[in-house]
Each structure stands twice: as C-alpha cells, then as structure tokens.
Protein backbone atom coordinates (compact mmCIF):
# COMPACT_ATOMS: atom_id res chain seq x y z
CA UNK A 1 17.64 109.35 111.10
CA UNK A 2 16.71 110.33 107.55
CA UNK A 3 17.13 106.93 105.92
CA UNK A 4 16.67 103.56 107.57
CA UNK A 5 18.66 100.67 106.14
CA UNK A 6 18.01 98.83 109.38
CA UNK A 7 14.47 98.27 108.11
CA UNK A 8 15.72 96.01 105.34
CA UNK A 9 13.31 93.74 103.52
CA UNK A 10 14.63 90.71 101.68
CA UNK A 11 11.74 89.59 99.50
CA UNK A 12 13.20 86.60 97.68
CA UNK A 13 13.85 84.85 100.96
CA UNK A 14 11.10 86.93 102.57
CA UNK A 15 13.33 88.05 105.44
CA UNK A 16 12.52 91.37 107.11
CA UNK A 17 14.14 92.77 110.19
CA UNK A 18 14.88 95.76 112.36
CA UNK A 19 17.21 95.98 115.35
CA UNK A 20 14.27 95.29 117.69
CA UNK A 21 12.23 92.65 115.87
CA UNK A 22 12.36 90.12 113.10
CA UNK A 23 9.59 88.99 110.79
CA UNK A 24 10.59 86.01 108.70
CA UNK A 25 8.84 84.41 105.78
CA UNK A 26 10.62 81.56 104.07
CA UNK A 27 10.18 79.09 101.27
CA UNK A 28 12.56 76.36 100.16
CA UNK A 29 13.20 75.57 96.53
CA UNK A 30 16.90 75.79 95.62
CA UNK A 31 20.09 74.63 97.30
CA UNK A 32 22.58 77.34 96.29
CA UNK A 33 20.56 80.50 96.93
CA UNK A 34 17.81 81.55 99.31
CA UNK A 35 14.29 80.44 98.59
CA UNK A 36 12.41 81.97 95.70
CA UNK A 37 9.46 84.27 96.22
CA UNK A 38 7.23 82.24 93.88
CA UNK A 39 6.63 79.66 96.61
CA UNK A 40 3.98 80.38 99.23
CA UNK A 41 5.74 81.84 102.28
CA UNK A 42 5.46 80.82 105.90
CA UNK A 43 5.58 83.80 108.20
CA UNK A 44 6.60 84.35 111.78
CA UNK A 45 7.13 87.50 113.79
CA UNK A 46 9.59 87.24 116.68
CA UNK A 47 12.21 89.40 118.36
CA UNK A 48 15.76 89.07 117.13
CA UNK A 49 17.49 86.13 118.76
CA UNK A 50 20.39 86.75 121.12
CA UNK A 51 23.90 86.58 119.62
CA UNK A 52 25.12 83.12 118.60
CA UNK A 53 27.92 81.46 120.56
CA UNK A 54 30.17 82.06 117.55
CA UNK A 55 28.94 85.66 117.11
CA UNK A 56 30.09 87.05 113.75
CA UNK A 57 28.02 90.23 113.91
CA UNK A 58 31.06 92.46 113.56
CA UNK A 59 32.99 90.38 111.01
CA UNK A 60 30.32 88.74 108.85
CA UNK A 61 31.55 87.58 105.45
CA UNK A 62 29.47 87.25 102.30
CA UNK A 63 29.72 83.48 102.66
CA UNK A 64 28.49 83.69 106.27
CA UNK A 65 25.52 85.78 105.18
CA UNK A 66 24.57 83.45 102.33
CA UNK A 67 24.86 80.45 104.65
CA UNK A 68 22.46 82.22 107.03
CA UNK A 69 19.90 82.75 104.28
CA UNK A 70 20.14 79.09 103.30
CA UNK A 71 19.66 78.14 106.96
CA UNK A 72 16.21 79.68 106.83
CA UNK A 73 15.14 76.68 104.79
CA UNK A 74 15.28 74.60 107.98
CA UNK A 75 11.99 76.20 108.92
CA UNK A 76 10.88 78.98 111.22
CA UNK A 77 10.25 76.76 114.26
CA UNK A 78 13.90 76.39 115.25
CA UNK A 79 15.50 79.15 113.21
CA UNK A 80 16.62 81.15 116.26
CA UNK A 81 18.83 78.23 117.31
CA UNK A 82 20.70 78.18 114.01
CA UNK A 83 23.93 80.18 114.49
CA UNK A 84 24.23 80.81 110.74
CA UNK A 85 20.80 82.47 110.66
CA UNK A 86 21.47 84.40 113.87
CA UNK A 87 24.78 85.71 112.55
CA UNK A 88 23.24 86.69 109.19
CA UNK A 89 20.22 88.50 110.63
CA UNK A 90 22.14 90.28 113.39
CA UNK A 91 25.14 91.02 111.17
CA UNK A 92 23.15 92.59 108.35
CA UNK A 93 21.11 94.57 110.86
CA UNK A 94 24.33 95.92 112.37
CA UNK A 95 25.78 96.71 108.92
CA UNK A 96 22.57 98.41 107.77
CA UNK A 97 22.27 100.51 110.90
CA UNK A 98 25.92 101.62 110.69
CA UNK A 99 25.53 102.43 107.00
CA UNK A 100 22.41 104.50 107.62
CA UNK A 101 24.27 106.40 110.35
CA UNK A 102 27.19 107.04 107.97
CA UNK A 103 24.85 108.40 105.28
CA UNK A 104 22.94 110.52 107.78
CA UNK A 105 26.12 111.95 109.30
CA UNK A 106 27.66 112.75 105.89
CA UNK A 107 24.48 114.48 104.74
CA UNK A 108 24.25 116.55 107.91
CA UNK A 109 27.89 117.60 107.49
CA UNK A 110 27.39 118.39 103.79
CA UNK A 111 29.91 115.73 102.74
CA UNK A 112 29.72 113.36 99.80
CA UNK A 113 28.05 110.07 100.61
CA UNK A 114 29.10 106.55 99.60
CA UNK A 115 25.80 106.17 97.74
CA UNK A 116 22.75 108.34 97.26
CA UNK A 117 19.74 106.47 98.59
CA UNK A 118 16.44 108.33 98.67
CA UNK A 119 15.44 110.16 101.83
CA UNK A 120 13.00 108.20 103.98
CA UNK A 121 12.90 104.44 104.35
CA UNK A 122 14.62 102.39 101.66
CA UNK A 123 13.52 98.86 100.89
CA UNK A 124 16.15 96.40 99.77
CA UNK A 125 15.14 93.09 98.30
CA UNK A 126 16.88 89.80 97.79
CA UNK A 127 15.69 90.06 94.19
CA UNK A 128 18.65 92.45 93.79
CA UNK A 129 20.87 91.75 96.81
CA UNK A 130 21.30 88.00 96.32
CA UNK A 131 22.14 88.21 92.59
CA UNK A 132 24.64 90.96 93.45
CA UNK A 133 26.27 88.73 96.08
CA UNK A 134 26.31 85.77 93.70
CA UNK A 135 28.30 87.87 91.18
CA UNK A 136 31.14 87.95 93.71
CA UNK A 137 33.50 85.12 92.76
CA UNK A 138 32.93 82.13 95.06
CA UNK A 139 36.59 82.13 96.11
CA UNK A 140 36.21 85.74 97.35
CA UNK A 141 32.98 85.26 99.32
CA UNK A 142 34.74 83.63 102.26
CA UNK A 143 37.13 86.56 102.73
CA UNK A 144 35.04 89.56 101.62
CA UNK A 145 33.28 91.26 104.49
CA UNK A 146 29.54 91.66 104.18
CA UNK A 147 30.10 95.29 105.15
CA UNK A 148 32.30 95.84 102.07
CA UNK A 149 29.84 93.96 99.85
CA UNK A 150 26.91 95.96 101.28
CA UNK A 151 28.69 99.25 100.53
CA UNK A 152 29.32 98.11 96.93
CA UNK A 153 25.70 96.96 96.61
CA UNK A 154 24.40 100.32 97.84
CA UNK A 155 26.65 102.21 95.40
CA UNK A 156 25.25 100.08 92.58
CA UNK A 157 21.61 100.39 93.65
CA UNK A 158 21.72 104.07 94.59
CA UNK A 159 24.47 105.74 92.52
CA UNK A 160 25.07 109.41 93.10
CA UNK A 161 24.25 111.66 90.14
CA UNK A 162 27.31 112.92 88.35
CA UNK A 163 29.65 110.25 89.75
CA UNK A 164 31.07 107.48 87.64
C-alpha cells in the first residue's frame, strides 16, 4: 500500500492506532471536545480491543466518533471496556484502511482520486480533524457517517491540484 491512513495519529487527544495495535495518550481538560495537547499526556500501548457489544464499526457517525474521543477522558485503565471508545477506535481504523485502499486502487488504475494525499505514510492530527468535525452542524453529526466526514476532511486537507 502506498499510503497508510490506518496509521492515523490524533495528537490533540493523543490517540494513535493501527489495525493491529493501539497506543493511547490522553489528557482531560474540556467537556465538549477531546483533551487538549497542552496537558501532560498519559500513555499506554495495547492491542485494539475486541468489537463492542453494540459494534458500530461499519456505521459510525460523527457523533459516535466524538463521543468515543470524549470517553478517553475516563482514563486508560478501563478504556477498552468503554463501547464508545471501542467503536471510535475500531471504526476510524476501518474507515482509514478502506480509504487508503481506495486511493491506492485508484492510483494503480490511473483514475482520479477523492483527495491527493502524499505518497508514503500520512499523519492526521486532531488539531485539524476535531475542528473540522466541530464545523459540522450539531444536528447533522448524529446522522452523518464518519466515513462521509472523513472523505470530506481528506479532500480539504489534501486537495488535488487543479480541482476546485
């Protein structure tokens, strides 16, 4: 694979993951958004938890994802038991991996891509992702899929030259 979205790093909440493992660093400071990076992080490195009983991996909404980031504030000791966190981490991993595969396939076939991320590993941060998600009207976050929001985010972050 040329570009790995599945190695996403969320710096503001200090959440990093891949399909095989999760390294989490959290800090708690604000109720409406994930923790800010100015607070000293706590770090853990554990495998991804198994799917939650109410698995939303394939239909994660923006609201579900944001709820999962806020759940990280409960602390790393019991985070794998929080279904909101589990759904967020597994859902975004699934979305990122699928997106990377779409980009890779389109490039190999010489087709236009949804966005034009650089070749190699891209790093995404909550310093840009969370503010992007917060621009989505609150009434739309519960119905907008995280997949759709992620595609829009990637188009904004990595626009293709010559496309409006």
